[in-house]
Amino acid sequence: MGKLENYQKDFILLCEAGFIAVNQMDEDAAKKLFSASALLKPENYLPDVGMGYMHLGKLELKQAVGAFEKALKKEPDNEMAKAFLGICIALTPNEEAKGEKLLQESAKKTQDPEVKKLAASAIEFVEKFIKKSPSPAALKNTKR
């Protein structure tokens, strides 16, 4: 790993650039940036959160859940990853209660005001739209 050690200081820059690429809807660049950052620090959770964030933005919930769970295996007390995981699960048909519980736990435990705000907004969305009868999943199933 000799040559990679020269780039350790670039880890956070690669992660930040990956999040920018996600926000610019440049999936190819985001994947490459998060993969490069994961090569530099495979034990760090940020590349996994980035990949999960990318998948969540595309509503690829199964892949997003996998990425956030991977991040939480590396850092179990990461409330940001837990909040994003809660959002993904809350959006999964018939799993909204489980997702809402994760969001509530995350909002309660975190000291980060942005994570609190994220969790609160997500809980409000679940209450207003996901738990509303008929649910989006129920509507989808009746159209078949």
C-alpha atoms as a PDB file:
ATOM      1  CA  MET A   1       0.000   0.000   0.000  1.00  0.00           C
ATOM      2  CA  GLY A   2       3.048   2.257  -0.268  1.00  0.00           C
ATOM      3  CA  LYS A   3       1.797   4.718  -2.889  1.00  0.00           C
ATOM      4  CA  LEU A   4      -1.676   5.019  -1.319  1.00  0.00           C
ATOM      5  CA  GLU A   5      -0.132   6.345   1.892  1.00  0.00           C
ATOM      6  CA  ASN A   6       0.898   9.476  -0.019  1.00  0.00           C
ATOM      7  CA  TYR A   7      -2.783  10.292  -0.585  1.00  0.00           C
ATOM      8  CA  GLN A   8      -4.184   9.743   2.936  1.00  0.00           C
ATOM      9  CA  LYS A   9      -4.608  13.484   3.408  1.00  0.00           C
ATOM     10  CA  ASP A  10      -6.901  13.545   0.356  1.00  0.00           C
ATOM     11  CA  PHE A  11      -9.455  11.195   1.922  1.00  0.00           C
ATOM     12  CA  ILE A  12     -11.860  13.897   3.098  1.00  0.00           C
ATOM     13  CA  LEU A  13     -11.514  15.822  -0.178  1.00  0.00           C
ATOM     14  CA  LEU A  14     -12.494  12.722  -2.129  1.00  0.00           C
ATOM     15  CA  CYS A  15     -15.505  12.171   0.137  1.00  0.00           C
ATOM     16  CA  GLU A  16     -16.613  15.791  -0.161  1.00  0.00           C
ATOM     17  CA  ALA A  17     -16.197  15.683  -3.930  1.00  0.00           C
ATOM     18  CA  GLY A  18     -18.268  12.480  -3.965  1.00  0.00           C
ATOM     19  CA  PHE A  19     -21.140  14.202  -2.133  1.00  0.00           C
ATOM     20  CA  ILE A  20     -20.903  17.140  -4.550  1.00  0.00           C
ATOM     21  CA  ALA A  21     -21.052  14.703  -7.471  1.00  0.00           C
ATOM     22  CA  VAL A  22     -24.179  13.089  -5.980  1.00  0.00           C
ATOM     23  CA  ASN A  23     -25.817  16.498  -5.653  1.00  0.00           C
ATOM     24  CA  GLN A  24     -24.859  17.243  -9.262  1.00  0.00           C
ATOM     25  CA  MET A  25     -26.406  13.894 -10.269  1.00  0.00           C
ATOM     26  CA  ASP A  26     -23.078  12.636 -11.580  1.00  0.00           C
ATOM     27  CA  GLU A  27     -23.359   9.023 -10.450  1.00  0.00           C
ATOM     28  CA  ASP A  28     -20.271   7.829 -12.303  1.00  0.00           C
ATOM     29  CA  ALA A  29     -18.020  10.427 -10.660  1.00  0.00           C
ATOM     30  CA  ALA A  30     -19.628   9.856  -7.250  1.00  0.00           C
ATOM     31  CA  LYS A  31     -18.984   6.103  -7.402  1.00  0.00           C
ATOM     32  CA  LYS A  32     -15.369   6.637  -8.439  1.00  0.00           C
ATOM     33  CA  LEU A  33     -14.746   9.237  -5.723  1.00  0.00           C
ATOM     34  CA  PHE A  34     -16.304   7.161  -2.961  1.00  0.00           C
ATOM     35  CA  SER A  35     -14.460   4.047  -4.168  1.00  0.00           C
ATOM     36  CA  ALA A  36     -11.151   5.939  -4.163  1.00  0.00           C
ATOM     37  CA  SER A  37     -11.772   7.255  -0.668  1.00  0.00           C
ATOM     38  CA  ALA A  38     -12.682   3.733   0.510  1.00  0.00           C
ATOM     39  CA  LEU A  39      -9.356   2.462  -0.838  1.00  0.00           C
ATOM     40  CA  LEU A  40      -7.539   5.049   1.275  1.00  0.00           C
ATOM     41  CA  LYS A  41      -9.442   4.324   4.493  1.00  0.00           C
ATOM     42  CA  PRO A  42     -11.470   1.113   4.222  1.00  0.00           C
ATOM     43  CA  GLU A  43     -12.345   1.265   7.924  1.00  0.00           C
ATOM     44  CA  ASN A  44     -14.024   4.683   7.579  1.00  0.00           C
ATOM     45  CA  TYR A  45     -17.809   4.907   7.304  1.00  0.00           C
ATOM     46  CA  LEU A  46     -18.033   8.044   5.111  1.00  0.00           C
ATOM     47  CA  PRO A  47     -17.685   6.343   1.705  1.00  0.00           C
ATOM     48  CA  ASP A  48     -20.503   3.964   2.670  1.00  0.00           C
ATOM     49  CA  VAL A  49     -22.720   6.853   3.779  1.00  0.00           C
ATOM     50  CA  GLY A  50     -21.946   8.558   0.473  1.00  0.00           C
ATOM     51  CA  MET A  51     -22.925   5.513  -1.549  1.00  0.00           C
ATOM     52  CA  GLY A  52     -26.085   5.137   0.521  1.00  0.00           C
ATOM     53  CA  TYR A  53     -26.915   8.798   0.001  1.00  0.00           C
ATOM     54  CA  MET A  54     -26.498   8.353  -3.755  1.00  0.00           C
ATOM     55  CA  HIS A  55     -28.786   5.306  -3.799  1.00  0.00           C
ATOM     56  CA  LEU A  56     -31.357   7.007  -1.569  1.00  0.00           C
ATOM     57  CA  GLY A  57     -31.505   9.947  -3.956  1.00  0.00           C
ATOM     58  CA  LYS A  58     -32.365   7.514  -6.742  1.00  0.00           C
ATOM     59  CA  LEU A  59     -34.857   5.673  -4.481  1.00  0.00           C
ATOM     60  CA  GLU A  60     -32.795   2.504  -4.797  1.00  0.00           C
ATOM     61  CA  LEU A  61     -33.792   1.633  -1.265  1.00  0.00           C
ATOM     62  CA  LYS A  62     -32.351  -1.887  -1.076  1.00  0.00           C
ATOM     63  CA  GLN A  63     -28.892  -0.690  -2.112  1.00  0.00           C
ATOM     64  CA  ALA A  64     -29.137   2.361   0.155  1.00  0.00           C
ATOM     65  CA  VAL A  65     -30.084   0.199   3.151  1.00  0.00           C
ATOM     66  CA  GLY A  66     -27.087  -2.050   2.455  1.00  0.00           C
ATOM     67  CA  ALA A  67     -24.697   0.904   2.309  1.00  0.00           C
ATOM     68  CA  PHE A  68     -26.012   2.502   5.513  1.00  0.00           C
ATOM     69  CA  GLU A  69     -25.912  -0.846   7.341  1.00  0.00           C
ATOM     70  CA  LYS A  70     -22.306  -1.273   6.212  1.00  0.00           C
ATOM     71  CA  ALA A  71     -21.497   2.195   7.590  1.00  0.00           C
ATOM     72  CA  LEU A  72     -23.155   1.315  10.898  1.00  0.00           C
ATOM     73  CA  LYS A  73     -21.100  -1.877  11.189  1.00  0.00           C
ATOM     74  CA  LYS A  74     -18.008   0.326  11.044  1.00  0.00           C
ATOM     75  CA  GLU A  75     -19.388   2.962  13.418  1.00  0.00           C
ATOM     76  CA  PRO A  76     -22.471   1.658  15.277  1.00  0.00           C
ATOM     77  CA  ASP A  77     -23.193   4.949  17.062  1.00  0.00           C
ATOM     78  CA  ASN A  78     -23.272   7.053  13.902  1.00  0.00           C
ATOM     79  CA  GLU A  79     -26.638   8.795  14.161  1.00  0.00           C
ATOM     80  CA  MET A  80     -26.401  10.331  10.685  1.00  0.00           C
ATOM     81  CA  ALA A  81     -26.127   6.892   9.078  1.00  0.00           C
ATOM     82  CA  LYS A  82     -28.895   5.632  11.361  1.00  0.00           C
ATOM     83  CA  ALA A  83     -31.185   8.525  10.359  1.00  0.00           C
ATOM     84  CA  PHE A  84     -30.597   7.871   6.668  1.00  0.00           C
ATOM     85  CA  LEU A  85     -31.210   4.158   7.244  1.00  0.00           C
ATOM     86  CA  GLY A  86     -34.447   5.068   9.023  1.00  0.00           C
ATOM     87  CA  ILE A  87     -35.545   7.132   6.022  1.00  0.00           C
ATOM     88  CA  CYS A  88     -34.854   4.239   3.651  1.00  0.00           C
ATOM     89  CA  ILE A  89     -36.737   1.751   5.789  1.00  0.00           C
ATOM     90  CA  ALA A  90     -39.641   4.165   6.329  1.00  0.00           C
ATOM     91  CA  LEU A  91     -39.983   4.456   2.542  1.00  0.00           C
ATOM     92  CA  THR A  92     -40.014   0.670   2.142  1.00  0.00           C
ATOM     93  CA  PRO A  93     -43.557  -0.718   1.813  1.00  0.00           C
ATOM     94  CA  ASN A  94     -44.883  -2.178   5.092  1.00  0.00           C
ATOM     95  CA  GLU A  95     -41.745  -1.130   7.002  1.00  0.00           C
ATOM     96  CA  GLU A  96     -42.641   2.463   7.882  1.00  0.00           C
ATOM     97  CA  ALA A  97     -43.014   1.773  11.630  1.00  0.00           C
ATOM     98  CA  LYS A  98     -39.528   0.245  11.818  1.00  0.00           C
ATOM     99  CA  GLY A  99     -38.060   3.181   9.913  1.00  0.00           C
ATOM    100  CA  GLU A 100     -39.898   5.718  12.043  1.00  0.00           C
ATOM    101  CA  LYS A 101     -38.557   4.032  15.199  1.00  0.00           C
ATOM    102  CA  LEU A 102     -34.976   4.352  13.909  1.00  0.00           C
ATOM    103  CA  LEU A 103     -35.587   8.013  13.105  1.00  0.00           C
ATOM    104  CA  GLN A 104     -36.957   8.664  16.589  1.00  0.00           C
ATOM    105  CA  GLU A 105     -33.982   6.913  18.208  1.00  0.00           C
ATOM    106  CA  SER A 106     -31.558   8.884  16.087  1.00  0.00           C
ATOM    107  CA  ALA A 107     -33.242  12.213  16.867  1.00  0.00           C
ATOM    108  CA  LYS A 108     -33.179  11.399  20.582  1.00  0.00           C
ATOM    109  CA  LYS A 109     -29.547  10.240  20.793  1.00  0.00           C
ATOM    110  CA  THR A 110     -27.756  12.681  18.496  1.00  0.00           C
ATOM    111  CA  GLN A 111     -26.055  15.861  19.621  1.00  0.00           C
ATOM    112  CA  ASP A 112     -25.865  17.102  16.019  1.00  0.00           C
ATOM    113  CA  PRO A 113     -28.595  19.681  15.315  1.00  0.00           C
ATOM    114  CA  GLU A 114     -28.569  18.872  11.585  1.00  0.00           C
ATOM    115  CA  VAL A 115     -29.229  15.184  12.249  1.00  0.00           C
ATOM    116  CA  LYS A 116     -32.030  16.169  14.661  1.00  0.00           C
ATOM    117  CA  LYS A 117     -33.530  18.362  11.936  1.00  0.00           C
ATOM    118  CA  LEU A 118     -33.186  15.605   9.318  1.00  0.00           C
ATOM    119  CA  ALA A 119     -34.842  13.028  11.558  1.00  0.00           C
ATOM    120  CA  ALA A 120     -37.654  15.410  12.549  1.00  0.00           C
ATOM    121  CA  SER A 121     -38.374  16.287   8.911  1.00  0.00           C
ATOM    122  CA  ALA A 122     -38.360  12.631   7.929  1.00  0.00           C
ATOM    123  CA  ILE A 123     -40.722  11.706  10.786  1.00  0.00           C
ATOM    124  CA  GLU A 124     -43.073  14.501   9.733  1.00  0.00           C
ATOM    125  CA  PHE A 125     -42.981  13.232   6.129  1.00  0.00           C
ATOM    126  CA  VAL A 126     -43.753   9.674   7.268  1.00  0.00           C
ATOM    127  CA  GLU A 127     -46.679  10.906   9.371  1.00  0.00           C
ATOM    128  CA  LYS A 128     -48.127  13.104   6.616  1.00  0.00           C
ATOM    129  CA  PHE A 129     -47.598  10.971   3.553  1.00  0.00           C
ATOM    130  CA  ILE A 130     -46.409   7.420   4.201  1.00  0.00           C
ATOM    131  CA  LYS A 131     -48.789   6.460   7.009  1.00  0.00           C
ATOM    132  CA  LYS A 132     -51.699   8.210   5.302  1.00  0.00           C
ATOM    133  CA  SER A 133     -54.371   5.827   4.108  1.00  0.00           C
ATOM    134  CA  PRO A 134     -54.110   4.565   1.446  1.00  0.00           C
ATOM    135  CA  SER A 135     -50.322   4.414   1.584  1.00  0.00           C
ATOM    136  CA  PRO A 136     -48.253   4.940  -1.571  1.00  0.00           C
ATOM    137  CA  ALA A 137     -47.465   1.195  -1.520  1.00  0.00           C
ATOM    138  CA  ALA A 138     -51.174   0.319  -1.336  1.00  0.00           C
ATOM    139  CA  LEU A 139     -51.926   2.643  -4.247  1.00  0.00           C
ATOM    140  CA  LYS A 140     -49.170   1.059  -6.301  1.00  0.00           C
ATOM    141  CA  ASN A 141     -50.507  -2.441  -5.591  1.00  0.00           C
ATOM    142  CA  THR A 142     -54.085  -1.529  -6.634  1.00  0.00           C
ATOM    143  CA  LYS A 143     -52.895  -0.353 -10.051  1.00  0.00           C
ATOM    144  CA  ARG A 144     -51.641  -3.808 -11.024  1.00  0.00           C
END
